[in-house]
N, C-alpha and C. Protein backbone atom coordinates (compact mmCIF):
# COMPACT_ATOMS: atom_id res chain seq x y z
N MET A 1 68.24 74.25 86.28
CA MET A 1 69.54 74.86 85.75
C MET A 1 69.00 76.38 86.19
N ALA A 2 67.83 76.60 86.00
CA ALA A 2 67.50 78.36 85.85
C ALA A 2 66.80 78.31 87.40
N GLU A 3 66.36 77.70 87.72
CA GLU A 3 65.97 77.73 89.16
C GLU A 3 67.30 78.43 90.23
N PRO A 4 68.36 77.65 90.32
CA PRO A 4 68.97 78.19 91.12
C PRO A 4 69.82 79.72 90.99
N LEU A 5 70.06 80.09 89.82
CA LEU A 5 69.99 81.20 89.12
C LEU A 5 69.00 82.13 89.36
N LEU A 6 68.02 81.98 89.19
CA LEU A 6 66.92 82.82 89.69
C LEU A 6 66.57 83.28 91.15
N VAL A 7 67.10 82.04 92.11
CA VAL A 7 66.97 82.12 93.64
C VAL A 7 68.31 83.33 93.85
N VAL A 8 69.58 82.83 93.18
CA VAL A 8 70.44 84.05 93.44
C VAL A 8 70.22 85.23 93.02
N LEU A 9 69.61 85.40 91.93
CA LEU A 9 69.41 86.78 91.50
C LEU A 9 68.07 87.68 92.56
N LEU A 10 67.11 86.67 93.27
CA LEU A 10 66.21 86.82 93.76
C LEU A 10 66.82 87.53 94.94
N LEU A 11 67.52 87.06 95.89
CA LEU A 11 68.25 87.03 96.84
C LEU A 11 69.45 88.35 96.92
N GLY A 12 69.96 88.33 95.83
CA GLY A 12 70.93 89.61 95.71
C GLY A 12 69.92 91.09 95.60
N LEU A 13 68.86 90.85 94.78
CA LEU A 13 67.86 91.91 94.72
C LEU A 13 67.83 92.34 96.06
N TRP A 14 67.18 91.39 97.30
CA TRP A 14 66.51 91.45 98.25
C TRP A 14 67.80 92.42 99.51
N VAL A 15 68.93 91.84 99.08
CA VAL A 15 70.32 92.34 99.98
C VAL A 15 70.49 93.66 99.65
N GLY A 16 70.32 94.02 98.03
CA GLY A 16 70.60 95.07 98.11
C GLY A 16 69.25 96.33 98.20
N SER A 17 68.59 95.49 98.49
CA SER A 17 67.39 96.59 98.73
C SER A 17 67.31 96.88 100.37
N LEU A 18 68.10 96.42 101.03
CA LEU A 18 68.03 96.63 102.37
C LEU A 18 68.95 98.15 102.81
N GLY A 19 69.76 98.14 101.96
CA GLY A 19 70.28 99.59 101.76
C GLY A 19 69.44 100.75 102.07
N GLY A 20 68.33 100.55 101.56
CA GLY A 20 67.51 101.66 101.10
C GLY A 20 66.34 101.42 102.23
N ALA A 21 66.50 100.75 103.14
CA ALA A 21 65.10 99.83 104.08
C ALA A 21 64.90 101.59 105.11
N PRO A 22 64.20 101.78 105.74
CA PRO A 22 64.22 103.06 106.69
C PRO A 22 64.73 102.45 107.99
N ARG A 23 65.43 103.36 108.14
CA ARG A 23 66.01 103.13 110.01
C ARG A 23 65.36 104.04 111.14
N CYS A 24 66.07 104.07 112.31
CA CYS A 24 65.39 104.88 113.25
C CYS A 24 64.40 104.97 113.63
N LEU A 25 63.73 103.62 113.61
CA LEU A 25 62.41 103.48 113.63
C LEU A 25 62.03 103.10 115.33
N ALA A 26 62.82 103.15 115.87
CA ALA A 26 62.75 102.29 117.44
C ALA A 26 63.53 103.22 118.26
N ASP A 27 63.47 103.31 119.53
CA ASP A 27 64.72 103.47 120.33
C ASP A 27 65.77 103.12 120.77
N THR A 28 65.66 101.64 120.19
CA THR A 28 66.97 100.74 119.85
C THR A 28 67.55 101.19 118.60
N GLU A 29 67.07 102.29 117.71
CA GLU A 29 67.81 102.42 116.35
C GLU A 29 68.20 104.01 116.15
N CYS A 30 68.49 104.52 117.00
CA CYS A 30 68.60 105.82 117.21
C CYS A 30 69.32 106.81 116.53
N CYS A 31 69.53 108.04 115.69
CA CYS A 31 70.00 108.62 114.60
C CYS A 31 70.28 109.51 115.05
N GLU A 32 71.04 110.21 114.17
CA GLU A 32 71.83 111.28 114.31
C GLU A 32 70.70 112.65 113.41
N PRO A 33 70.58 113.37 113.45
CA PRO A 33 69.57 114.31 112.98
C PRO A 33 69.53 114.09 111.22
N ARG A 34 70.61 114.07 110.59
CA ARG A 34 70.64 114.09 109.30
C ARG A 34 70.20 113.41 108.85
N GLU A 35 70.53 111.80 109.06
CA GLU A 35 69.97 110.43 108.98
C GLU A 35 68.41 110.43 109.00
N LEU A 36 67.99 111.01 110.43
CA LEU A 36 66.54 111.10 110.61
C LEU A 36 66.34 112.04 109.94
N GLN A 37 66.57 112.84 108.96
CA GLN A 37 65.38 113.76 108.30
C GLN A 37 65.43 112.93 106.79
N ARG A 38 66.84 112.04 106.94
CA ARG A 38 66.50 111.47 105.39
C ARG A 38 65.18 110.01 105.48
N THR A 39 65.67 109.51 106.64
CA THR A 39 64.29 108.52 106.82
C THR A 39 63.27 109.16 106.99
N GLY A 40 62.65 110.28 107.44
CA GLY A 40 61.57 110.68 107.71
C GLY A 40 61.05 111.52 106.03
N ALA A 41 62.02 111.48 105.08
CA ALA A 41 61.57 112.25 103.92
C ALA A 41 61.47 110.93 102.92
N TRP A 42 62.33 109.66 103.25
CA TRP A 42 61.47 108.55 102.63
C TRP A 42 60.44 108.20 102.72
N LEU A 43 59.86 108.27 104.48
CA LEU A 43 58.72 108.16 104.79
C LEU A 43 57.40 108.88 104.25
N SER A 44 58.03 110.06 104.23
CA SER A 44 56.68 111.25 103.65
C SER A 44 56.67 111.19 102.12
N GLU A 45 57.30 109.86 101.41
CA GLU A 45 57.43 110.26 99.77
C GLU A 45 55.77 110.02 99.54
N GLY A 46 55.30 110.72 98.56
CA GLY A 46 53.56 110.73 98.07
C GLY A 46 53.13 112.04 98.72
N HIS A 47 53.36 112.37 100.07
CA HIS A 47 53.19 113.56 100.62
C HIS A 47 53.35 115.19 100.53
N PRO A 48 52.58 115.72 100.55
CA PRO A 48 53.00 117.21 99.96
C PRO A 48 54.11 117.56 100.61
N PRO A 49 55.08 118.37 99.66
CA PRO A 49 56.53 118.51 100.70
C PRO A 49 56.49 118.84 102.10
N GLY A 50 57.15 118.69 102.96
CA GLY A 50 57.07 118.95 104.26
C GLY A 50 57.79 120.11 104.81
N HIS A 51 58.85 120.16 105.63
CA HIS A 51 59.50 120.79 106.21
C HIS A 51 59.88 122.29 106.20
N ARG A 52 60.17 122.59 104.42
CA ARG A 52 60.32 123.87 103.93
C ARG A 52 58.97 124.43 103.59
N SER A 53 57.91 123.91 103.43
CA SER A 53 56.64 124.25 103.29
C SER A 53 55.89 124.39 104.30
N CYS A 54 55.93 124.11 105.51
CA CYS A 54 55.29 124.92 106.58
C CYS A 54 55.40 126.16 106.85
N HIS A 55 54.15 127.16 106.73
CA HIS A 55 53.69 128.09 107.08
C HIS A 55 54.05 128.58 108.44
N VAL A 56 55.02 129.56 108.71
CA VAL A 56 55.23 130.08 110.02
C VAL A 56 54.63 131.50 110.19
N SER A 57 53.82 132.05 110.64
CA SER A 57 53.37 133.68 110.53
C SER A 57 53.22 134.09 111.92
N SER A 58 53.74 135.45 111.99
CA SER A 58 53.53 136.02 113.63
C SER A 58 52.50 136.66 113.50
N GLN A 59 51.58 136.97 112.62
CA GLN A 59 50.10 137.32 112.45
C GLN A 59 49.17 136.49 111.99
N PRO A 60 47.72 136.29 112.51
CA PRO A 60 47.29 135.86 112.45
C PRO A 60 46.64 135.61 110.64
N ALA A 61 46.11 134.44 110.64
CA ALA A 61 45.88 134.37 109.17
C ALA A 61 44.57 135.22 108.95
N ALA A 62 44.04 136.25 107.74
CA ALA A 62 42.82 136.82 107.38
C ALA A 62 41.68 135.66 107.65
N LYS A 63 40.57 136.31 107.92
CA LYS A 63 39.41 135.47 108.35
C LYS A 63 38.61 135.55 107.04
N GLU A 64 38.69 133.98 105.67
CA GLU A 64 38.29 134.40 104.86
C GLU A 64 36.42 133.78 104.85
N GLU A 65 35.63 134.18 104.44
CA GLU A 65 34.26 133.90 104.51
C GLU A 65 33.73 132.69 103.64
N PRO A 66 33.64 131.45 104.54
CA PRO A 66 33.37 130.59 103.45
C PRO A 66 32.26 130.41 102.51
N GLN A 67 32.48 129.71 101.39
CA GLN A 67 31.54 130.02 100.27
C GLN A 67 30.68 128.51 100.23
N CYS A 68 29.05 129.14 101.27
CA CYS A 68 28.22 128.47 101.05
C CYS A 68 27.19 128.03 99.80
N GLN A 69 28.26 128.11 98.64
CA GLN A 69 27.05 128.18 97.94
C GLN A 69 27.92 127.22 96.53
N GLY A 70 26.83 126.25 96.20
CA GLY A 70 27.86 125.13 94.77
C GLY A 70 28.10 126.30 93.73
N GLN A 71 29.05 125.44 92.88
CA GLN A 71 29.46 125.97 91.56
C GLN A 71 29.32 124.88 90.67
N SER A 72 29.52 125.27 89.56
CA SER A 72 29.11 124.27 88.22
C SER A 72 30.39 124.09 87.28
N HIS A 73 31.29 124.56 87.92
CA HIS A 73 32.67 124.65 87.63
C HIS A 73 33.64 124.54 88.85
N GLY A 74 34.82 124.18 88.22
CA GLY A 74 36.26 123.81 89.02
C GLY A 74 36.31 122.63 89.72
N PRO A 75 37.24 122.23 90.61
CA PRO A 75 37.30 121.26 91.17
C PRO A 75 36.39 120.52 92.04
N PRO A 76 36.50 119.20 92.18
CA PRO A 76 34.92 118.91 92.93
C PRO A 76 34.66 119.20 94.36
N ASN A 77 36.15 119.87 94.94
CA ASN A 77 35.59 120.44 96.57
C ASN A 77 34.74 121.29 96.53
N THR A 78 34.57 122.01 95.33
CA THR A 78 33.96 123.11 94.86
C THR A 78 32.43 123.02 94.23
N ARG A 79 32.53 121.82 93.65
CA ARG A 79 31.23 121.23 93.15
C ARG A 79 30.41 120.65 94.21
N SER A 80 31.00 119.65 94.73
CA SER A 80 29.99 119.07 96.07
C SER A 80 28.97 119.60 96.49
N ILE A 81 27.71 118.97 97.08
CA ILE A 81 26.91 119.55 97.91
C ILE A 81 26.99 119.66 98.75
N ALA A 82 28.58 119.33 99.25
CA ALA A 82 29.40 119.35 100.94
C ALA A 82 30.37 120.09 100.23
N PRO A 83 30.68 121.58 100.24
CA PRO A 83 31.93 121.64 99.80
C PRO A 83 32.86 122.35 100.81
N TRP A 84 33.98 121.85 100.56
CA TRP A 84 35.56 122.32 101.64
C TRP A 84 36.46 122.74 100.66
N ARG A 85 37.29 122.98 101.76
CA ARG A 85 38.51 123.66 101.10
C ARG A 85 39.67 122.75 102.27
N TYR A 86 40.70 123.30 101.91
CA TYR A 86 41.78 122.64 102.54
C TYR A 86 42.61 123.27 103.02
N ARG A 87 43.08 123.06 104.46
CA ARG A 87 43.51 123.64 105.75
C ARG A 87 44.89 123.02 105.53
N GLU A 88 45.98 123.79 106.01
CA GLU A 88 47.70 123.08 106.20
C GLU A 88 47.20 122.59 107.48
N ASP A 89 47.89 121.22 107.76
CA ASP A 89 48.12 120.99 109.24
C ASP A 89 49.47 120.70 109.41
N CYS A 90 50.35 121.65 110.01
CA CYS A 90 51.67 121.50 110.11
C CYS A 90 52.29 121.14 111.40
N ASP A 91 53.38 120.30 111.46
CA ASP A 91 53.98 119.79 112.94
C ASP A 91 55.42 119.73 112.14
N ARG A 92 56.38 120.39 112.59
CA ARG A 92 57.94 120.14 112.35
C ARG A 92 58.38 118.78 113.23
N ALA A 93 57.75 118.33 114.21
CA ALA A 93 58.16 117.21 114.56
C ALA A 93 57.51 115.87 114.30
N ARG A 94 56.79 116.34 112.73
CA ARG A 94 55.96 114.98 112.65
C ARG A 94 56.54 114.74 111.04
N PHE A 95 56.78 113.41 110.85
CA PHE A 95 57.11 113.40 109.46
C PHE A 95 55.41 112.41 108.58
N PRO A 96 54.74 112.68 107.46
CA PRO A 96 55.25 114.26 106.84
C PRO A 96 54.90 115.41 108.01
N ALA A 97 55.48 116.32 107.66
CA ALA A 97 55.36 117.68 108.68
C ALA A 97 53.90 118.32 108.33
N ARG A 98 53.71 118.09 106.85
CA ARG A 98 52.59 119.10 105.97
C ARG A 98 51.71 117.99 105.69
N LEU A 99 50.58 118.08 106.23
CA LEU A 99 49.07 117.17 105.60
C LEU A 99 48.19 118.41 105.70
N LEU A 100 47.49 117.83 104.46
CA LEU A 100 46.14 119.02 104.05
C LEU A 100 45.14 118.25 104.67
N GLN A 101 44.02 119.01 105.44
CA GLN A 101 42.82 118.55 105.94
C GLN A 101 41.45 119.22 105.30
N ALA A 102 40.51 118.46 105.02
CA ALA A 102 39.15 118.90 104.62
C ALA A 102 38.64 119.57 105.91
N GLU A 103 38.05 120.98 105.47
CA GLU A 103 37.57 121.94 106.24
C GLU A 103 36.34 122.19 105.70
N CYS A 104 35.04 121.44 105.77
CA CYS A 104 33.56 121.99 105.14
C CYS A 104 33.22 123.10 105.61
N LEU A 105 32.72 123.65 104.07
CA LEU A 105 32.44 124.82 104.17
C LEU A 105 31.00 125.58 104.97
N CYS A 106 30.16 124.81 105.30
CA CYS A 106 28.93 124.62 105.61
C CYS A 106 28.67 123.83 106.40
N PRO A 107 27.66 124.69 107.35
CA PRO A 107 27.11 123.10 108.18
C PRO A 107 25.97 122.52 107.94
N HIS A 108 25.74 122.82 106.66
CA HIS A 108 24.01 122.12 106.06
C HIS A 108 24.67 121.92 104.21
N CYS A 109 24.03 121.59 103.77
CA CYS A 109 24.50 121.14 102.49
C CYS A 109 23.92 121.83 101.75
N VAL A 110 24.47 121.99 100.24
CA VAL A 110 24.17 122.92 99.34
C VAL A 110 23.12 122.28 98.24
N SER A 111 22.16 123.00 97.94
CA SER A 111 21.05 122.39 96.92
C SER A 111 21.83 121.92 95.48
N LEU A 112 21.15 121.10 94.61
CA LEU A 112 21.59 120.72 93.45
C LEU A 112 21.12 122.06 92.21
N ALA A 113 19.72 122.07 92.91
CA ALA A 113 19.19 123.53 91.67
C ALA A 113 19.80 124.86 91.80
N PRO A 114 20.21 125.68 90.87
CA PRO A 114 20.28 126.76 90.34
C PRO A 114 19.43 127.65 91.49
N PRO A 115 20.01 128.78 91.97
CA PRO A 115 21.23 128.91 92.21
C PRO A 115 22.20 128.03 93.49
N HIS A 116 21.89 127.21 93.94
CA HIS A 116 22.64 126.18 94.84
C HIS A 116 23.06 126.68 96.27
N HIS A 117 22.11 127.17 96.34
CA HIS A 117 22.24 128.03 97.95
C HIS A 117 22.01 126.73 99.09
N ARG A 118 22.03 127.07 100.08
CA ARG A 118 21.85 125.92 101.15
C ARG A 118 20.92 125.34 101.46
N ASP A 119 20.71 124.15 101.26
CA ASP A 119 19.86 123.33 101.55
C ASP A 119 19.79 122.78 103.29
N LEU A 120 18.77 122.79 103.79
CA LEU A 120 18.75 122.35 105.47
C LEU A 120 18.33 121.24 105.63
N ARG A 121 18.04 120.35 104.46
CA ARG A 121 17.60 119.08 104.89
C ARG A 121 18.75 118.30 105.12
N GLY A 122 20.07 118.39 105.02
CA GLY A 122 21.25 117.69 105.07
C GLY A 122 22.04 118.45 106.16
N ASN A 123 22.92 118.00 106.71
CA ASN A 123 24.02 118.27 107.06
C ASN A 123 25.50 117.68 106.36
N SER A 124 26.27 118.93 106.47
CA SER A 124 27.36 118.33 105.92
C SER A 124 28.45 118.27 106.89
N VAL A 125 29.07 116.82 107.00
CA VAL A 125 30.43 116.59 107.68
C VAL A 125 31.23 115.79 107.03
N GLN A 126 32.65 115.61 108.05
CA GLN A 126 34.03 114.96 107.24
C GLN A 126 33.62 113.80 107.16
N VAL A 127 34.75 113.54 106.38
CA VAL A 127 35.09 112.27 106.11
C VAL A 127 36.44 111.76 106.13
N THR A 128 37.14 111.71 107.39
CA THR A 128 38.25 111.01 108.00
C THR A 128 38.79 109.58 107.29
N ALA A 129 39.83 109.41 107.14
CA ALA A 129 40.78 108.23 106.95
C ALA A 129 41.96 108.30 107.64
N ASN A 130 42.39 106.90 108.39
CA ASN A 130 43.46 107.25 109.38
C ASN A 130 44.84 106.91 108.74
N THR A 131 45.80 107.60 108.76
CA THR A 131 47.30 107.39 108.22
C THR A 131 47.87 107.36 109.04
N THR A 132 49.44 106.71 109.03
CA THR A 132 50.42 106.52 109.72
C THR A 132 51.48 107.65 109.61
N VAL A 133 51.48 108.30 110.66
CA VAL A 133 52.53 109.45 110.74
C VAL A 133 53.73 109.22 111.88
N TYR A 134 55.00 109.74 111.61
CA TYR A 134 55.69 109.57 112.58
C TYR A 134 56.62 110.74 113.08
N TYR A 135 56.69 110.62 114.39
CA TYR A 135 56.80 111.47 115.40
C TYR A 135 58.38 111.53 115.77
N ARG A 136 59.25 112.52 115.45
CA ARG A 136 60.46 112.92 116.38
C ARG A 136 60.58 112.48 117.62
N ARG A 137 61.49 111.60 118.20
CA ARG A 137 60.74 111.71 119.59
C ARG A 137 62.34 111.50 120.30
N PRO A 138 63.24 111.71 121.22
CA PRO A 138 64.57 112.02 121.48
C PRO A 138 64.98 110.59 122.19
N CYS A 139 66.27 110.06 121.63
CA CYS A 139 66.61 108.87 122.20
C CYS A 139 67.05 108.62 123.47
N PRO A 140 66.81 107.70 124.81
CA PRO A 140 67.02 107.84 126.00
C PRO A 140 68.59 107.25 126.21
N GLY A 141 68.83 108.31 126.70
CA GLY A 141 70.23 108.51 127.10
C GLY A 141 71.41 108.79 126.35
N ARG A 142 70.74 109.30 124.91
CA ARG A 142 71.65 109.72 123.81
C ARG A 142 71.27 110.79 123.40
N PRO A 143 71.78 111.94 124.02
CA PRO A 143 71.51 113.74 123.81
C PRO A 143 71.93 113.50 122.39
N GLY A 144 70.85 114.03 121.62
CA GLY A 144 71.12 114.75 119.95
C GLY A 144 70.89 113.76 119.05
N ALA A 145 70.22 112.26 119.56
CA ALA A 145 70.06 111.02 119.01
C ALA A 145 68.58 111.24 118.90
N TYR A 146 67.77 110.72 117.92
CA TYR A 146 66.38 110.71 117.86
C TYR A 146 65.97 109.46 117.04
N PHE A 147 64.97 108.85 117.17
CA PHE A 147 63.89 107.97 116.33
C PHE A 147 62.66 108.28 116.07
N LEU A 148 61.77 107.67 115.60
CA LEU A 148 60.74 107.99 114.76
C LEU A 148 59.64 107.28 115.04
N GLN A 149 58.50 107.99 116.03
CA GLN A 149 57.57 106.78 116.44
C GLN A 149 56.67 106.52 115.97
N PRO A 150 56.00 105.74 115.17
CA PRO A 150 54.61 105.34 114.39
C PRO A 150 53.57 106.06 115.49
N ARG A 151 52.60 106.64 115.05
CA ARG A 151 51.10 106.46 115.34
C ARG A 151 50.13 107.19 114.42
N LEU A 152 48.95 106.23 114.44
CA LEU A 152 48.17 106.51 114.07
C LEU A 152 47.15 107.88 113.67
N TYR A 153 46.89 108.35 112.16
CA TYR A 153 46.42 110.33 112.92
C TYR A 153 45.39 110.45 111.81
N PRO A 154 44.34 110.92 112.46
CA PRO A 154 43.27 110.92 111.15
C PRO A 154 43.26 112.50 110.22
N VAL A 155 43.17 112.19 109.23
CA VAL A 155 43.37 112.94 108.38
C VAL A 155 41.59 113.25 107.71
N ALA A 156 41.16 114.37 107.78
CA ALA A 156 39.57 115.08 107.08
C ALA A 156 40.38 114.69 105.20
N VAL A 157 39.60 114.19 104.65
CA VAL A 157 39.65 114.31 103.31
C VAL A 157 38.96 114.74 102.68
N ALA A 158 37.90 115.03 102.94
CA ALA A 158 36.46 115.43 102.06
C ALA A 158 35.37 115.66 103.05
N CYS A 159 34.20 116.47 102.45
CA CYS A 159 33.18 116.32 103.67
C CYS A 159 31.64 115.82 102.52
N VAL A 160 31.08 115.25 102.79
CA VAL A 160 29.81 114.59 102.43
C VAL A 160 28.69 115.46 103.04
N CYS A 161 27.58 115.11 102.21
CA CYS A 161 26.07 115.85 102.98
C CYS A 161 25.52 114.17 103.39
N VAL A 162 24.62 114.27 104.21
CA VAL A 162 24.18 113.21 105.41
C VAL A 162 22.78 113.93 105.59
N VAL A 163 21.95 112.88 105.90
CA VAL A 163 21.25 112.70 106.50
C VAL A 163 20.89 113.17 107.70
N PRO A 164 20.56 114.34 108.56
CA PRO A 164 20.53 114.54 109.89
C PRO A 164 20.27 113.84 110.95
N GLN A 165 20.69 113.30 111.49
CA GLN A 165 20.39 112.25 112.85
C GLN A 165 19.05 112.86 113.74
N LEU A 166 18.23 112.40 114.01
CA LEU A 166 17.26 112.69 114.77
C LEU A 166 17.07 112.44 116.26
């Protein structure tokens, strides 16, 4: 007796969840810009805030000197023997629009021994991971309508110290 009730309950939950399913994910599911934004925001959940946070500047950013010296305090990216900083990767035609990319601060590693200067015995290299992003594309034959095209995108997540190749 409980089994049919459970099946009906699960079926109801599944049907109810379809209303929140993403749309606009194929050129046969064209959407107006407002719905495309909602779908893009839904797909971007868990990423840094997107379109409002992308910095657009008419002036080039001031070059800051990389800190090629280890630290004994702070977040892991500054205490690493292959220190890195994050750079904003912004594309308003992509969801998520804003991604953070790790950028190695030194071509070589940093010594574990104080004062933590460069150690030329190792190289600092990026570690990348592919993530799925969605690009806004115009729908064929429907001016003002768009769809989201998924693509794998490499994101540098950190830097590590490796033995140089011979």
